[in-house]
C-alpha atoms as a PDB file:
ATOM      1  CA  UNK A   1     -88.630  50.247 -75.067  1.00  0.00           C
ATOM      2  CA  UNK A   2     -88.399  54.020 -74.765  1.00  0.00           C
ATOM      3  CA  UNK A   3     -89.618  56.369 -72.053  1.00  0.00           C
ATOM      4  CA  UNK A   4     -90.677  59.766 -73.343  1.00  0.00           C
ATOM      5  CA  UNK A   5     -90.722  61.802 -70.140  1.00  0.00           C
ATOM      6  CA  UNK A   6     -92.776  64.980 -70.292  1.00  0.00           C
ATOM      7  CA  UNK A   7     -94.089  67.342 -67.639  1.00  0.00           C
ATOM      8  CA  UNK A   8     -97.649  66.001 -67.427  1.00  0.00           C
ATOM      9  CA  UNK A   9     -98.633  63.630 -64.619  1.00  0.00           C
ATOM     10  CA  UNK A  10    -100.355  61.073 -66.870  1.00  0.00           C
ATOM     11  CA  UNK A  11     -98.421  58.105 -68.259  1.00  0.00           C
ATOM     12  CA  UNK A  12     -99.411  55.996 -71.247  1.00  0.00           C
ATOM     13  CA  UNK A  13     -98.037  52.790 -72.727  1.00  0.00           C
ATOM     14  CA  UNK A  14     -98.016  52.605 -76.529  1.00  0.00           C
ATOM     15  CA  UNK A  15     -97.437  49.337 -78.334  1.00  0.00           C
ATOM     16  CA  UNK A  16     -96.382  50.343 -81.838  1.00  0.00           C
ATOM     17  CA  UNK A  17     -95.046  48.867 -85.046  1.00  0.00           C
ATOM     18  CA  UNK A  18     -92.704  50.080 -87.768  1.00  0.00           C
ATOM     19  CA  UNK A  19     -94.013  52.292 -90.585  1.00  0.00           C
ATOM     20  CA  UNK A  20     -97.293  53.003 -88.778  1.00  0.00           C
ATOM     21  CA  UNK A  21     -98.853  56.401 -89.501  1.00  0.00           C
ATOM     22  CA  UNK A  22    -101.360  56.025 -86.661  1.00  0.00           C
ATOM     23  CA  UNK A  23     -98.460  55.292 -84.280  1.00  0.00           C
ATOM     24  CA  UNK A  24     -96.711  58.484 -85.393  1.00  0.00           C
ATOM     25  CA  UNK A  25     -99.930  60.434 -84.848  1.00  0.00           C
ATOM     26  CA  UNK A  26    -100.332  58.999 -81.333  1.00  0.00           C
ATOM     27  CA  UNK A  27     -96.752  60.004 -80.448  1.00  0.00           C
ATOM     28  CA  UNK A  28     -97.346  63.494 -81.861  1.00  0.00           C
ATOM     29  CA  UNK A  29    -100.542  63.906 -79.818  1.00  0.00           C
ATOM     30  CA  UNK A  30     -98.838  62.854 -76.578  1.00  0.00           C
ATOM     31  CA  UNK A  31     -95.786  65.020 -77.265  1.00  0.00           C
ATOM     32  CA  UNK A  32     -97.934  68.035 -78.162  1.00  0.00           C
ATOM     33  CA  UNK A  33    -100.001  67.611 -74.998  1.00  0.00           C
ATOM     34  CA  UNK A  34     -96.817  67.116 -72.918  1.00  0.00           C
ATOM     35  CA  UNK A  35     -97.908  63.643 -71.763  1.00  0.00           C
ATOM     36  CA  UNK A  36     -95.312  61.041 -70.767  1.00  0.00           C
ATOM     37  CA  UNK A  37     -95.404  57.651 -72.422  1.00  0.00           C
ATOM     38  CA  UNK A  38     -93.532  54.395 -72.712  1.00  0.00           C
ATOM     39  CA  UNK A  39     -93.265  53.071 -76.244  1.00  0.00           C
ATOM     40  CA  UNK A  40     -92.763  49.389 -76.964  1.00  0.00           C
ATOM     41  CA  UNK A  41     -92.461  47.822 -80.382  1.00  0.00           C
ATOM     42  CA  UNK A  42     -94.882  44.963 -80.991  1.00  0.00           C
ATOM     43  CA  UNK A  43     -91.878  42.608 -81.251  1.00  0.00           C
ATOM     44  CA  UNK A  44     -90.933  43.417 -77.631  1.00  0.00           C
ATOM     45  CA  UNK A  45     -94.309  42.218 -76.326  1.00  0.00           C
ATOM     46  CA  UNK A  46     -94.964  38.533 -75.697  1.00  0.00           C
ATOM     47  CA  UNK A  47     -97.252  37.015 -78.310  1.00  0.00           C
ATOM     48  CA  UNK A  48     -99.759  35.773 -75.704  1.00  0.00           C
ATOM     49  CA  UNK A  49    -100.383  39.359 -74.616  1.00  0.00           C
ATOM     50  CA  UNK A  50    -100.916  40.459 -78.220  1.00  0.00           C
ATOM     51  CA  UNK A  51    -103.376  37.552 -78.655  1.00  0.00           C
ATOM     52  CA  UNK A  52    -105.350  38.713 -75.586  1.00  0.00           C
ATOM     53  CA  UNK A  53    -105.489  42.264 -76.926  1.00  0.00           C
ATOM     54  CA  UNK A  54    -106.701  41.038 -80.328  1.00  0.00           C
ATOM     55  CA  UNK A  55    -109.281  38.876 -78.557  1.00  0.00           C
ATOM     56  CA  UNK A  56    -110.676  42.076 -77.025  1.00  0.00           C
ATOM     57  CA  UNK A  57    -111.192  43.497 -80.524  1.00  0.00           C
ATOM     58  CA  UNK A  58    -108.131  45.749 -80.757  1.00  0.00           C
ATOM     59  CA  UNK A  59    -106.824  44.838 -84.197  1.00  0.00           C
ATOM     60  CA  UNK A  60    -104.770  47.878 -85.250  1.00  0.00           C
ATOM     61  CA  UNK A  61    -101.787  49.787 -83.927  1.00  0.00           C
ATOM     62  CA  UNK A  62    -100.975  51.598 -81.789  1.00  0.00           C
ATOM     63  CA  UNK A  63    -102.390  49.804 -78.777  1.00  0.00           C
ATOM     64  CA  UNK A  64    -102.716  52.399 -76.004  1.00  0.00           C
ATOM     65  CA  UNK A  65    -102.930  51.958 -72.239  1.00  0.00           C
ATOM     66  CA  UNK A  66    -103.198  54.626 -69.547  1.00  0.00           C
ATOM     67  CA  UNK A  67    -101.527  54.066 -66.172  1.00  0.00           C
ATOM     68  CA  UNK A  68    -104.119  54.135 -63.408  1.00  0.00           C
ATOM     69  CA  UNK A  69    -101.707  53.921 -60.488  1.00  0.00           C
ATOM     70  CA  UNK A  70    -101.641  51.665 -57.454  1.00  0.00           C
ATOM     71  CA  UNK A  71    -104.411  49.510 -56.005  1.00  0.00           C
ATOM     72  CA  UNK A  72    -106.074  52.450 -54.263  1.00  0.00           C
ATOM     73  CA  UNK A  73    -106.148  54.429 -57.511  1.00  0.00           C
ATOM     74  CA  UNK A  74    -107.638  51.437 -59.318  1.00  0.00           C
ATOM     75  CA  UNK A  75    -110.284  51.046 -56.634  1.00  0.00           C
ATOM     76  CA  UNK A  76    -111.246  54.728 -56.883  1.00  0.00           C
ATOM     77  CA  UNK A  77    -111.383  54.620 -60.680  1.00  0.00           C
ATOM     78  CA  UNK A  78    -113.471  51.444 -60.802  1.00  0.00           C
ATOM     79  CA  UNK A  79    -115.873  52.686 -58.145  1.00  0.00           C
ATOM     80  CA  UNK A  80    -116.140  56.094 -59.863  1.00  0.00           C
ATOM     81  CA  UNK A  81    -116.764  54.478 -63.251  1.00  0.00           C
ATOM     82  CA  UNK A  82    -119.465  52.170 -61.866  1.00  0.00           C
ATOM     83  CA  UNK A  83    -121.152  54.980 -59.933  1.00  0.00           C
ATOM     84  CA  UNK A  84    -121.447  57.045 -63.127  1.00  0.00           C
ATOM     85  CA  UNK A  85    -123.206  54.192 -64.966  1.00  0.00           C
END
């Protein structure tokens, strides 16, 4: 696991695999935009979690997550998202 600390306030989690051009592109995008991210190789992630992700239709790498924050931040984001719909 690697933390790529940049100046931006956002934080992403990338689950990547070796020899993955799309993974390289994702890293380049985040680095170019000065966005911090944690990178984990697929072999560092428990297989049950990978199975859940695949069950949601995410079948290619990288798998990307954005940190929302604490419970209050989650509440605000969920409420905001549902109010927009």
